[in-house]
Full PDB file with SEQRES, HELIX, SHEET, SSBOND, CRYST1, ORIGX, SCALE, CONECT and MASTER records, all heavy atoms in Angstrom:
SEQRES   1 A   38  GLU PHE TYR TRP LEU ASN LYS ALA ASP PRO SER ASN SER          
SEQRES   2 A   38  HIS ALA ARG ILE ILE GLU ASN ARG GLY LYS GLN LEU ALA          
SEQRES   3 A   38  ASN ASP GLY GLN LEU THR LEU SER ARG ARG ALA ILE              
HELIX    1 AA1 PHE A    2  ALA A    8  1                                   7    
SHEET    1 AA1 2 ILE A  18  GLU A  19  0                                        
SHEET    2 AA1 2 LYS A  23  GLN A  24 -1                                        
CRYST1    1.000    1.000    1.000  90.00  90.00  90.00 P 1           1          
ORIGX1      1.000000  0.000000  0.000000        0.00000                         
ORIGX2      0.000000  1.000000  0.000000        0.00000                         
ORIGX3      0.000000  0.000000  1.000000        0.00000                         
SCALE1      1.000000  0.000000  0.000000        0.00000                         
SCALE2      0.000000  1.000000  0.000000        0.00000                         
SCALE3      0.000000  0.000000  1.000000        0.00000                         
ATOM      1  N   GLU A   1       0.793  -1.180   0.031  1.00  0.00           N  
ATOM      2  CA  GLU A   1       0.041  -0.011   0.119  1.00  0.00           C  
ATOM      3  C   GLU A   1       0.886   1.277   0.020  1.00  0.00           C  
ATOM      4  O   GLU A   1       0.666   2.217  -0.766  1.00  0.00           O  
ATOM      5  CB  GLU A   1      -0.916  -0.032   1.219  1.00  0.00           C  
ATOM      6  CG  GLU A   1      -1.832   1.242   1.386  1.00  0.00           C  
ATOM      7  CD  GLU A   1      -2.595   1.223   2.672  1.00  0.00           C  
ATOM      8  OE1 GLU A   1      -2.051   1.419   3.708  1.00  0.00           O  
ATOM      9  OE2 GLU A   1      -3.875   1.023   2.547  1.00  0.00           O  
ATOM     10  N   PHE A   2       1.868   1.203   0.850  1.00  0.00           N  
ATOM     11  CA  PHE A   2       2.788   2.377   1.016  1.00  0.00           C  
ATOM     12  C   PHE A   2       3.620   2.586  -0.331  1.00  0.00           C  
ATOM     13  O   PHE A   2       3.617   3.703  -0.796  1.00  0.00           O  
ATOM     14  CB  PHE A   2       3.779   2.097   2.179  1.00  0.00           C  
ATOM     15  CG  PHE A   2       4.675   3.198   2.461  1.00  0.00           C  
ATOM     16  CD1 PHE A   2       4.338   4.198   3.419  1.00  0.00           C  
ATOM     17  CD2 PHE A   2       5.984   3.349   1.889  1.00  0.00           C  
ATOM     18  CE1 PHE A   2       5.193   5.209   3.777  1.00  0.00           C  
ATOM     19  CE2 PHE A   2       6.717   4.323   2.262  1.00  0.00           C  
ATOM     20  CZ  PHE A   2       6.507   5.201   3.136  1.00  0.00           C  
ATOM     21  N   TYR A   3       3.965   1.554  -0.982  1.00  0.00           N  
ATOM     22  CA  TYR A   3       4.782   1.660  -2.163  1.00  0.00           C  
ATOM     23  C   TYR A   3       3.915   2.151  -3.335  1.00  0.00           C  
ATOM     24  O   TYR A   3       4.315   3.028  -4.047  1.00  0.00           O  
ATOM     25  CB  TYR A   3       5.325   0.320  -2.465  1.00  0.00           C  
ATOM     26  CG  TYR A   3       5.993   0.159  -3.843  1.00  0.00           C  
ATOM     27  CD1 TYR A   3       7.296   0.554  -4.076  1.00  0.00           C  
ATOM     28  CD2 TYR A   3       5.359  -0.497  -4.971  1.00  0.00           C  
ATOM     29  CE1 TYR A   3       7.880   0.385  -5.288  1.00  0.00           C  
ATOM     30  CE2 TYR A   3       6.015  -0.591  -6.133  1.00  0.00           C  
ATOM     31  CZ  TYR A   3       7.231  -0.177  -6.351  1.00  0.00           C  
ATOM     32  OH  TYR A   3       7.885  -0.306  -7.546  1.00  0.00           O  
ATOM     33  N   TRP A   4       2.647   1.692  -3.521  1.00  0.00           N  
ATOM     34  CA  TRP A   4       1.840   2.138  -4.513  1.00  0.00           C  
ATOM     35  C   TRP A   4       1.411   3.598  -4.271  1.00  0.00           C  
ATOM     36  O   TRP A   4       1.452   4.347  -5.377  1.00  0.00           O  
ATOM     37  CB  TRP A   4       0.571   1.241  -4.475  1.00  0.00           C  
ATOM     38  CG  TRP A   4       0.798  -0.124  -4.839  1.00  0.00           C  
ATOM     39  CD1 TRP A   4       1.800  -0.731  -5.499  1.00  0.00           C  
ATOM     40  CD2 TRP A   4      -0.074  -1.284  -4.424  1.00  0.00           C  
ATOM     41  NE1 TRP A   4       1.692  -2.075  -5.611  1.00  0.00           N  
ATOM     42  CE2 TRP A   4       0.498  -2.459  -4.972  1.00  0.00           C  
ATOM     43  CE3 TRP A   4      -1.304  -1.367  -3.828  1.00  0.00           C  
ATOM     44  CZ2 TRP A   4       0.020  -3.674  -4.801  1.00  0.00           C  
ATOM     45  CZ3 TRP A   4      -1.779  -2.622  -3.625  1.00  0.00           C  
ATOM     46  CH2 TRP A   4      -1.208  -3.785  -4.094  1.00  0.00           C  
ATOM     47  N   LEU A   5       1.244   4.007  -3.105  1.00  0.00           N  
ATOM     48  CA  LEU A   5       0.752   5.416  -2.760  1.00  0.00           C  
ATOM     49  C   LEU A   5       1.917   6.348  -3.017  1.00  0.00           C  
ATOM     50  O   LEU A   5       1.624   7.388  -3.786  1.00  0.00           O  
ATOM     51  CB  LEU A   5       0.550   5.487  -1.255  1.00  0.00           C  
ATOM     52  CG  LEU A   5       0.188   6.926  -0.742  1.00  0.00           C  
ATOM     53  CD1 LEU A   5      -1.068   7.407  -1.379  1.00  0.00           C  
ATOM     54  CD2 LEU A   5      -0.014   6.897   0.781  1.00  0.00           C  
ATOM     55  N   ASN A   6       3.168   6.073  -2.789  1.00  0.00           N  
ATOM     56  CA  ASN A   6       4.221   6.909  -3.072  1.00  0.00           C  
ATOM     57  C   ASN A   6       4.664   7.000  -4.505  1.00  0.00           C  
ATOM     58  O   ASN A   6       5.366   7.922  -4.881  1.00  0.00           O  
ATOM     59  CB  ASN A   6       5.390   6.677  -2.118  1.00  0.00           C  
ATOM     60  CG  ASN A   6       5.053   7.261  -0.621  1.00  0.00           C  
ATOM     61  OD1 ASN A   6       5.271   8.376  -0.392  1.00  0.00           O  
ATOM     62  ND2 ASN A   6       4.546   6.339   0.273  1.00  0.00           N  
ATOM     63  N   LYS A   7       4.341   5.922  -5.157  1.00  0.00           N  
ATOM     64  CA  LYS A   7       4.600   5.972  -6.632  1.00  0.00           C  
ATOM     65  C   LYS A   7       3.599   6.867  -7.326  1.00  0.00           C  
ATOM     66  O   LYS A   7       3.994   7.664  -8.208  1.00  0.00           O  
ATOM     67  CB  LYS A   7       4.377   4.506  -7.265  1.00  0.00           C  
ATOM     68  CG  LYS A   7       5.570   3.610  -6.982  1.00  0.00           C  
ATOM     69  CD  LYS A   7       6.706   3.853  -8.047  1.00  0.00           C  
ATOM     70  CE  LYS A   7       7.847   2.856  -7.933  1.00  0.00           C  
ATOM     71  NZ  LYS A   7       8.829   3.054  -8.899  1.00  0.00           N  
ATOM     72  N   ALA A   8       2.377   6.811  -6.978  1.00  0.00           N  
ATOM     73  CA  ALA A   8       1.237   7.636  -7.450  1.00  0.00           C  
ATOM     74  C   ALA A   8       1.402   9.091  -7.086  1.00  0.00           C  
ATOM     75  O   ALA A   8       1.020  10.038  -7.837  1.00  0.00           O  
ATOM     76  CB  ALA A   8      -0.089   7.025  -7.096  1.00  0.00           C  
ATOM     77  N   ASP A   9       1.834   9.384  -5.836  1.00  0.00           N  
ATOM     78  CA  ASP A   9       1.948  10.720  -5.234  1.00  0.00           C  
ATOM     79  C   ASP A   9       3.236  10.859  -4.599  1.00  0.00           C  
ATOM     80  O   ASP A   9       3.462  10.834  -3.391  1.00  0.00           O  
ATOM     81  CB  ASP A   9       0.797  10.847  -4.330  1.00  0.00           C  
ATOM     82  CG  ASP A   9       0.686  12.308  -3.672  1.00  0.00           C  
ATOM     83  OD1 ASP A   9       1.168  13.271  -4.366  1.00  0.00           O  
ATOM     84  OD2 ASP A   9       0.328  12.380  -2.473  1.00  0.00           O  
ATOM     85  N   PRO A  10       4.301  11.041  -5.483  1.00  0.00           N  
ATOM     86  CA  PRO A  10       5.688  11.148  -4.841  1.00  0.00           C  
ATOM     87  C   PRO A  10       5.918  12.483  -4.147  1.00  0.00           C  
ATOM     88  O   PRO A  10       5.190  13.581  -4.345  1.00  0.00           O  
ATOM     89  CB  PRO A  10       6.551  11.136  -5.945  1.00  0.00           C  
ATOM     90  CG  PRO A  10       5.812  11.599  -7.167  1.00  0.00           C  
ATOM     91  CD  PRO A  10       4.373  11.219  -6.875  1.00  0.00           C  
ATOM     92  N   SER A  11       6.869  12.529  -3.150  1.00  0.00           N  
ATOM     93  CA  SER A  11       7.095  13.652  -2.417  1.00  0.00           C  
ATOM     94  C   SER A  11       7.912  14.561  -3.282  1.00  0.00           C  
ATOM     95  O   SER A  11       8.867  14.307  -3.988  1.00  0.00           O  
ATOM     96  CB  SER A  11       7.933  13.259  -1.091  1.00  0.00           C  
ATOM     97  OG  SER A  11       8.497  14.382  -0.479  1.00  0.00           O  
ATOM     98  N   ASN A  12       7.692  15.819  -3.058  1.00  0.00           N  
ATOM     99  CA  ASN A  12       8.348  17.056  -3.840  1.00  0.00           C  
ATOM    100  C   ASN A  12       8.002  18.261  -3.181  1.00  0.00           C  
ATOM    101  O   ASN A  12       6.948  18.741  -3.393  1.00  0.00           O  
ATOM    102  CB  ASN A  12       8.150  16.958  -5.322  1.00  0.00           C  
ATOM    103  CG  ASN A  12       9.077  17.882  -6.112  1.00  0.00           C  
ATOM    104  OD1 ASN A  12       9.938  18.545  -5.545  1.00  0.00           O  
ATOM    105  ND2 ASN A  12       8.909  17.892  -7.389  1.00  0.00           N  
ATOM    106  N   SER A  13       9.049  18.897  -2.596  1.00  0.00           N  
ATOM    107  CA  SER A  13       8.781  20.221  -1.802  1.00  0.00           C  
ATOM    108  C   SER A  13       8.934  21.437  -2.826  1.00  0.00           C  
ATOM    109  O   SER A  13       9.978  21.470  -3.425  1.00  0.00           O  
ATOM    110  CB  SER A  13       9.643  20.324  -0.612  1.00  0.00           C  
ATOM    111  OG  SER A  13       9.481  21.556  -0.077  1.00  0.00           O  
ATOM    112  N   HIS A  14       7.806  22.142  -2.942  1.00  0.00           N  
ATOM    113  CA  HIS A  14       7.908  23.320  -3.767  1.00  0.00           C  
ATOM    114  C   HIS A  14       8.755  24.451  -3.255  1.00  0.00           C  
ATOM    115  O   HIS A  14       9.451  25.100  -3.986  1.00  0.00           O  
ATOM    116  CB  HIS A  14       6.414  23.767  -4.173  1.00  0.00           C  
ATOM    117  CG  HIS A  14       6.355  25.036  -4.960  1.00  0.00           C  
ATOM    118  ND1 HIS A  14       6.619  24.971  -6.396  1.00  0.00           N  
ATOM    119  CD2 HIS A  14       6.109  26.403  -4.634  1.00  0.00           C  
ATOM    120  CE1 HIS A  14       6.477  26.227  -6.813  1.00  0.00           C  
ATOM    121  NE2 HIS A  14       6.109  27.096  -5.737  1.00  0.00           N  
ATOM    122  N   ALA A  15       8.732  24.631  -1.998  1.00  0.00           N  
ATOM    123  CA  ALA A  15       9.445  25.612  -1.266  1.00  0.00           C  
ATOM    124  C   ALA A  15       9.914  24.989   0.129  1.00  0.00           C  
ATOM    125  O   ALA A  15       9.084  24.694   0.862  1.00  0.00           O  
ATOM    126  CB  ALA A  15       8.736  26.899  -1.052  1.00  0.00           C  
ATOM    127  N   ARG A  16      11.197  24.927   0.276  1.00  0.00           N  
ATOM    128  CA  ARG A  16      11.642  24.338   1.569  1.00  0.00           C  
ATOM    129  C   ARG A  16      11.821  25.474   2.642  1.00  0.00           C  
ATOM    130  O   ARG A  16      11.676  25.104   3.782  1.00  0.00           O  
ATOM    131  CB  ARG A  16      12.936  23.653   1.239  1.00  0.00           C  
ATOM    132  CG  ARG A  16      13.683  23.051   2.366  1.00  0.00           C  
ATOM    133  CD  ARG A  16      12.933  21.799   2.983  1.00  0.00           C  
ATOM    134  NE  ARG A  16      13.590  21.296   4.114  1.00  0.00           N  
ATOM    135  CZ  ARG A  16      13.612  21.782   5.365  1.00  0.00           C  
ATOM    136  NH1 ARG A  16      12.903  22.951   5.633  1.00  0.00           N  
ATOM    137  NH2 ARG A  16      14.295  21.290   6.257  1.00  0.00           N  
ATOM    138  N   ILE A  17      12.264  26.588   2.148  1.00  0.00           N  
ATOM    139  CA  ILE A  17      12.516  27.706   3.161  1.00  0.00           C  
ATOM    140  C   ILE A  17      11.691  28.969   2.699  1.00  0.00           C  
ATOM    141  O   ILE A  17      11.741  29.385   1.498  1.00  0.00           O  
ATOM    142  CB  ILE A  17      14.006  28.064   3.243  1.00  0.00           C  
ATOM    143  CG1 ILE A  17      14.882  26.880   3.506  1.00  0.00           C  
ATOM    144  CG2 ILE A  17      14.153  29.127   4.293  1.00  0.00           C  
ATOM    145  CD1 ILE A  17      14.772  26.325   4.878  1.00  0.00           C  
ATOM    146  N   ILE A  18      11.021  29.548   3.649  1.00  0.00           N  
ATOM    147  CA  ILE A  18      10.324  30.863   3.320  1.00  0.00           C  
ATOM    148  C   ILE A  18      10.773  31.878   4.340  1.00  0.00           C  
ATOM    149  O   ILE A  18      11.370  31.574   5.244  1.00  0.00           O  
ATOM    150  CB  ILE A  18       8.690  30.687   3.392  1.00  0.00           C  
ATOM    151  CG1 ILE A  18       8.309  30.330   4.750  1.00  0.00           C  
ATOM    152  CG2 ILE A  18       8.308  29.750   2.237  1.00  0.00           C  
ATOM    153  CD1 ILE A  18       6.734  30.252   4.929  1.00  0.00           C  
ATOM    154  N   GLU A  19      10.488  33.177   4.004  1.00  0.00           N  
ATOM    155  CA  GLU A  19      10.796  34.276   4.848  1.00  0.00           C  
ATOM    156  C   GLU A  19       9.906  35.461   4.456  1.00  0.00           C  
ATOM    157  O   GLU A  19       9.204  35.381   3.403  1.00  0.00           O  
ATOM    158  CB  GLU A  19      12.290  34.637   4.721  1.00  0.00           C  
ATOM    159  CG  GLU A  19      12.857  35.133   3.421  1.00  0.00           C  
ATOM    160  CD  GLU A  19      14.213  35.415   3.310  1.00  0.00           C  
ATOM    161  OE1 GLU A  19      14.969  35.470   4.399  1.00  0.00           O  
ATOM    162  OE2 GLU A  19      14.709  35.722   2.212  1.00  0.00           O  
ATOM    163  N   ASN A  20      10.031  36.540   5.125  1.00  0.00           N  
ATOM    164  CA  ASN A  20       9.295  37.771   4.807  1.00  0.00           C  
ATOM    165  C   ASN A  20       7.862  37.404   4.439  1.00  0.00           C  
ATOM    166  O   ASN A  20       7.277  37.933   3.407  1.00  0.00           O  
ATOM    167  CB  ASN A  20       9.933  38.538   3.532  1.00  0.00           C  
ATOM    168  CG  ASN A  20      11.343  38.883   3.831  1.00  0.00           C  
ATOM    169  OD1 ASN A  20      11.735  39.337   4.843  1.00  0.00           O  
ATOM    170  ND2 ASN A  20      12.243  38.849   2.738  1.00  0.00           N  
ATOM    171  N   ARG A  21       7.197  36.764   5.389  1.00  0.00           N  
ATOM    172  CA  ARG A  21       5.758  36.499   5.339  1.00  0.00           C  
ATOM    173  C   ARG A  21       5.359  35.735   4.169  1.00  0.00           C  
ATOM    174  O   ARG A  21       4.341  36.005   3.373  1.00  0.00           O  
ATOM    175  CB  ARG A  21       4.959  37.813   5.537  1.00  0.00           C  
ATOM    176  CG  ARG A  21       5.358  38.612   6.822  1.00  0.00           C  
ATOM    177  CD  ARG A  21       4.227  39.499   7.179  1.00  0.00           C  
ATOM    178  NE  ARG A  21       3.010  38.904   7.470  1.00  0.00           N  
ATOM    179  CZ  ARG A  21       1.855  39.394   7.486  1.00  0.00           C  
ATOM    180  NH1 ARG A  21       1.761  40.636   6.962  1.00  0.00           N  
ATOM    181  NH2 ARG A  21       0.780  38.681   7.790  1.00  0.00           N  
ATOM    182  N   GLY A  22       6.028  34.546   3.910  1.00  0.00           N  
ATOM    183  CA  GLY A  22       5.493  33.660   2.901  1.00  0.00           C  
ATOM    184  C   GLY A  22       6.250  33.587   1.610  1.00  0.00           C  
ATOM    185  O   GLY A  22       5.885  32.877   0.709  1.00  0.00           O  
ATOM    186  N   LYS A  23       7.342  34.296   1.565  1.00  0.00           N  
ATOM    187  CA  LYS A  23       7.998  34.341   0.266  1.00  0.00           C  
ATOM    188  C   LYS A  23       9.197  33.351   0.282  1.00  0.00           C  
ATOM    189  O   LYS A  23       9.807  33.212   1.333  1.00  0.00           O  
ATOM    190  CB  LYS A  23       8.638  35.821  -0.004  1.00  0.00           C  
ATOM    191  CG  LYS A  23       7.695  36.857  -0.162  1.00  0.00           C  
ATOM    192  CD  LYS A  23       8.201  38.198  -0.390  1.00  0.00           C  
ATOM    193  CE  LYS A  23       7.289  39.315  -0.547  1.00  0.00           C  
ATOM    194  NZ  LYS A  23       7.897  40.658  -0.704  1.00  0.00           N  
ATOM    195  N   GLN A  24       9.430  32.692  -0.848  1.00  0.00           N  
ATOM    196  CA  GLN A  24      10.337  31.665  -0.859  1.00  0.00           C  
ATOM    197  C   GLN A  24      11.784  32.276  -0.799  1.00  0.00           C  
ATOM    198  O   GLN A  24      12.090  33.337  -1.417  1.00  0.00           O  
ATOM    199  CB  GLN A  24      10.311  30.793  -2.164  1.00  0.00           C  
ATOM    200  CG  GLN A  24      11.270  29.643  -2.227  1.00  0.00           C  
ATOM    201  CD  GLN A  24      11.111  28.791  -3.346  1.00  0.00           C  
ATOM    202  OE1 GLN A  24      10.350  29.129  -4.349  1.00  0.00           O  
ATOM    203  NE2 GLN A  24      11.731  27.635  -3.385  1.00  0.00           N  
ATOM    204  N   LEU A  25      12.706  31.687  -0.043  1.00  0.00           N  
ATOM    205  CA  LEU A  25      14.083  32.121   0.123  1.00  0.00           C  
ATOM    206  C   LEU A  25      14.620  32.199  -1.344  1.00  0.00           C  
ATOM    207  O   LEU A  25      14.587  31.263  -2.119  1.00  0.00           O  
ATOM    208  CB  LEU A  25      14.932  31.371   1.033  1.00  0.00           C  
ATOM    209  CG  LEU A  25      16.331  31.513   1.407  1.00  0.00           C  
ATOM    210  CD1 LEU A  25      16.325  32.864   2.197  1.00  0.00           C  
ATOM    211  CD2 LEU A  25      17.040  30.464   1.971  1.00  0.00           C  
ATOM    212  N   ALA A  26      15.363  33.432  -1.593  1.00  0.00           N  
ATOM    213  CA  ALA A  26      15.873  33.619  -2.943  1.00  0.00           C  
ATOM    214  C   ALA A  26      16.749  32.445  -3.414  1.00  0.00           C  
ATOM    215  O   ALA A  26      16.727  32.123  -4.519  1.00  0.00           O  
ATOM    216  CB  ALA A  26      16.597  34.973  -3.003  1.00  0.00           C  
ATOM    217  N   ASN A  27      17.617  31.998  -2.494  1.00  0.00           N  
ATOM    218  CA  ASN A  27      18.651  30.959  -2.896  1.00  0.00           C  
ATOM    219  C   ASN A  27      18.193  29.575  -2.263  1.00  0.00           C  
ATOM    220  O   ASN A  27      18.971  28.746  -2.220  1.00  0.00           O  
ATOM    221  CB  ASN A  27      19.988  31.290  -2.493  1.00  0.00           C  
ATOM    222  CG  ASN A  27      20.162  31.404  -1.037  1.00  0.00           C  
ATOM    223  OD1 ASN A  27      19.104  31.318  -0.214  1.00  0.00           O  
ATOM    224  ND2 ASN A  27      21.403  31.768  -0.617  1.00  0.00           N  
ATOM    225  N   ASP A  28      16.857  29.347  -2.101  1.00  0.00           N  
ATOM    226  CA  ASP A  28      16.323  28.098  -1.834  1.00  0.00           C  
ATOM    227  C   ASP A  28      16.749  27.111  -2.789  1.00  0.00           C  
ATOM    228  O   ASP A  28      16.447  27.320  -3.946  1.00  0.00           O  
ATOM    229  CB  ASP A  28      14.786  28.143  -1.641  1.00  0.00           C  
ATOM    230  CG  ASP A  28      14.144  26.867  -0.937  1.00  0.00           C  
ATOM    231  OD1 ASP A  28      14.976  26.086  -0.260  1.00  0.00           O  
ATOM    232  OD2 ASP A  28      12.995  26.670  -1.024  1.00  0.00           O  
ATOM    233  N   GLY A  29      17.287  25.922  -2.423  1.00  0.00           N  
ATOM    234  CA  GLY A  29      17.768  24.899  -3.287  1.00  0.00           C  
ATOM    235  C   GLY A  29      19.282  24.897  -3.395  1.00  0.00           C  
ATOM    236  O   GLY A  29      19.825  23.849  -3.858  1.00  0.00           O  
ATOM    237  N   GLN A  30      20.039  25.913  -2.886  1.00  0.00           N  
ATOM    238  CA  GLN A  30      21.428  25.919  -2.808  1.00  0.00           C  
ATOM    239  C   GLN A  30      21.852  25.698  -1.410  1.00  0.00           C  
ATOM    240  O   GLN A  30      21.190  26.102  -0.461  1.00  0.00           O  
ATOM    241  CB  GLN A  30      21.958  27.216  -3.382  1.00  0.00           C  
ATOM    242  CG  GLN A  30      21.667  27.615  -4.777  1.00  0.00           C  
ATOM    243  CD  GLN A  30      22.219  28.897  -5.182  1.00  0.00           C  
ATOM    244  OE1 GLN A  30      23.202  29.404  -4.618  1.00  0.00           O  
ATOM    245  NE2 GLN A  30      21.568  29.521  -6.224  1.00  0.00           N  
ATOM    246  N   LEU A  31      22.950  24.788  -1.247  1.00  0.00           N  
ATOM    247  CA  LEU A  31      23.350  24.596   0.092  1.00  0.00           C  
ATOM    248  C   LEU A  31      24.245  25.625   0.780  1.00  0.00           C  
ATOM    249  O   LEU A  31      24.351  25.711   2.015  1.00  0.00           O  
ATOM    250  CB  LEU A  31      24.158  23.254   0.141  1.00  0.00           C  
ATOM    251  CG  LEU A  31      23.293  21.971  -0.440  1.00  0.00           C  
ATOM    252  CD1 LEU A  31      24.072  20.745  -0.257  1.00  0.00           C  
ATOM    253  CD2 LEU A  31      21.905  21.903   0.209  1.00  0.00           C  
ATOM    254  N   THR A  32      24.863  26.509  -0.030  1.00  0.00           N  
ATOM    255  CA  THR A  32      25.612  27.744   0.403  1.00  0.00           C  
ATOM    256  C   THR A  32      26.718  27.451   1.330  1.00  0.00           C  
ATOM    257  O   THR A  32      26.847  28.116   2.159  1.00  0.00           O  
ATOM    258  CB  THR A  32      24.798  28.766   0.853  1.00  0.00           C  
ATOM    259  OG1 THR A  32      24.130  28.396   2.072  1.00  0.00           O  
ATOM    260  CG2 THR A  32      23.639  29.220  -0.182  1.00  0.00           C  
ATOM    261  N   LEU A  33      27.323  26.278   1.181  1.00  0.00           N  
ATOM    262  CA  LEU A  33      28.431  25.807   2.031  1.00  0.00           C  
ATOM    263  C   LEU A  33      29.747  26.503   1.566  1.00  0.00           C  
ATOM    264  O   LEU A  33      30.019  26.415   0.446  1.00  0.00           O  
ATOM    265  CB  LEU A  33      28.564  24.338   2.083  1.00  0.00           C  
ATOM    266  CG  LEU A  33      27.443  23.619   2.899  1.00  0.00           C  
ATOM    267  CD1 LEU A  33      27.469  22.135   2.496  1.00  0.00           C  
ATOM    268  CD2 LEU A  33      27.822  23.691   4.374  1.00  0.00           C  
ATOM    269  N   SER A  34      30.471  27.049   2.453  1.00  0.00           N  
ATOM    270  CA  SER A  34      31.784  27.616   2.040  1.00  0.00           C  
ATOM    271  C   SER A  34      32.853  26.413   2.094  1.00  0.00           C  
ATOM    272  O   SER A  34      32.419  25.279   2.473  1.00  0.00           O  
ATOM    273  CB  SER A  34      32.313  28.539   3.054  1.00  0.00           C  
ATOM    274  OG  SER A  34      32.505  27.887   4.335  1.00  0.00           O  
ATOM    275  N   ARG A  35      33.839  26.613   1.326  1.00  0.00           N  
ATOM    276  CA  ARG A  35      34.933  25.557   1.295  1.00  0.00           C  
ATOM    277  C   ARG A  35      35.320  25.122   2.642  1.00  0.00           C  
ATOM    278  O   ARG A  35      35.457  23.901   2.974  1.00  0.00           O  
ATOM    279  CB  ARG A  35      36.179  25.999   0.597  1.00  0.00           C  
ATOM    280  CG  ARG A  35      37.282  24.987   0.608  1.00  0.00           C  
ATOM    281  CD  ARG A  35      38.350  25.321  -0.392  1.00  0.00           C  
ATOM    282  NE  ARG A  35      39.429  24.324  -0.191  1.00  0.00           N  
ATOM    283  CZ  ARG A  35      40.562  24.180  -1.073  1.00  0.00           C  
ATOM    284  NH1 ARG A  35      40.527  24.891  -2.024  1.00  0.00           N  
ATOM    285  NH2 ARG A  35      41.473  23.340  -0.758  1.00  0.00           N  
ATOM    286  N   ARG A  36      35.487  26.030   3.559  1.00  0.00           N  
ATOM    287  CA  ARG A  36      35.784  25.687   5.006  1.00  0.00           C  
ATOM    288  C   ARG A  36      34.657  24.784   5.616  1.00  0.00           C  
ATOM    289  O   ARG A  36      35.055  23.744   6.317  1.00  0.00           O  
ATOM    290  CB  ARG A  36      35.978  26.968   5.743  1.00  0.00           C  
ATOM    291  CG  ARG A  36      36.325  26.618   7.310  1.00  0.00           C  
ATOM    292  CD  ARG A  36      36.599  27.943   8.039  1.00  0.00           C  
ATOM    293  NE  ARG A  36      36.972  27.638   9.465  1.00  0.00           N  
ATOM    294  CZ  ARG A  36      37.361  28.617  10.302  1.00  0.00           C  
ATOM    295  NH1 ARG A  36      37.355  29.856   9.833  1.00  0.00           N  
ATOM    296  NH2 ARG A  36      37.581  28.375  11.514  1.00  0.00           N  
ATOM    297  N   ALA A  37      33.457  25.120   5.411  1.00  0.00           N  
ATOM    298  CA  ALA A  37      32.392  24.328   5.991  1.00  0.00           C  
ATOM    299  C   ALA A  37      32.415  22.895   5.395  1.00  0.00           C  
ATOM    300  O   ALA A  37      32.226  21.931   6.039  1.00  0.00           O  
ATOM    301  CB  ALA A  37      31.049  25.019   5.568  1.00  0.00           C  
ATOM    302  N   ILE A  38      32.602  22.776   4.139  1.00  0.00           N  
ATOM    303  CA  ILE A  38      32.661  21.485   3.480  1.00  0.00           C  
ATOM    304  C   ILE A  38      33.962  20.671   4.046  1.00  0.00           C  
ATOM    305  O   ILE A  38      33.717  19.506   4.334  1.00  0.00           O  
ATOM    306  CB  ILE A  38      32.908  21.606   1.946  1.00  0.00           C  
ATOM    307  CG1 ILE A  38      31.613  22.231   1.317  1.00  0.00           C  
ATOM    308  CG2 ILE A  38      33.098  20.226   1.372  1.00  0.00           C  
ATOM    309  CD1 ILE A  38      31.634  22.461  -0.095  1.00  0.00           C  
TER     310      ILE A  38                                                      
MASTER        0    0    0    1    2    0    0    6  309    1    0    3          
END                                                                             
């Protein structure tokens, strides 16, 4: 049941981070890690 459901309706986030009262973060989708952080 779980397998069939997630095949038919897969997970996909349209906006992961918002700010300023509902606006998507401008660089949402980028990890923005510095070389030092990596």
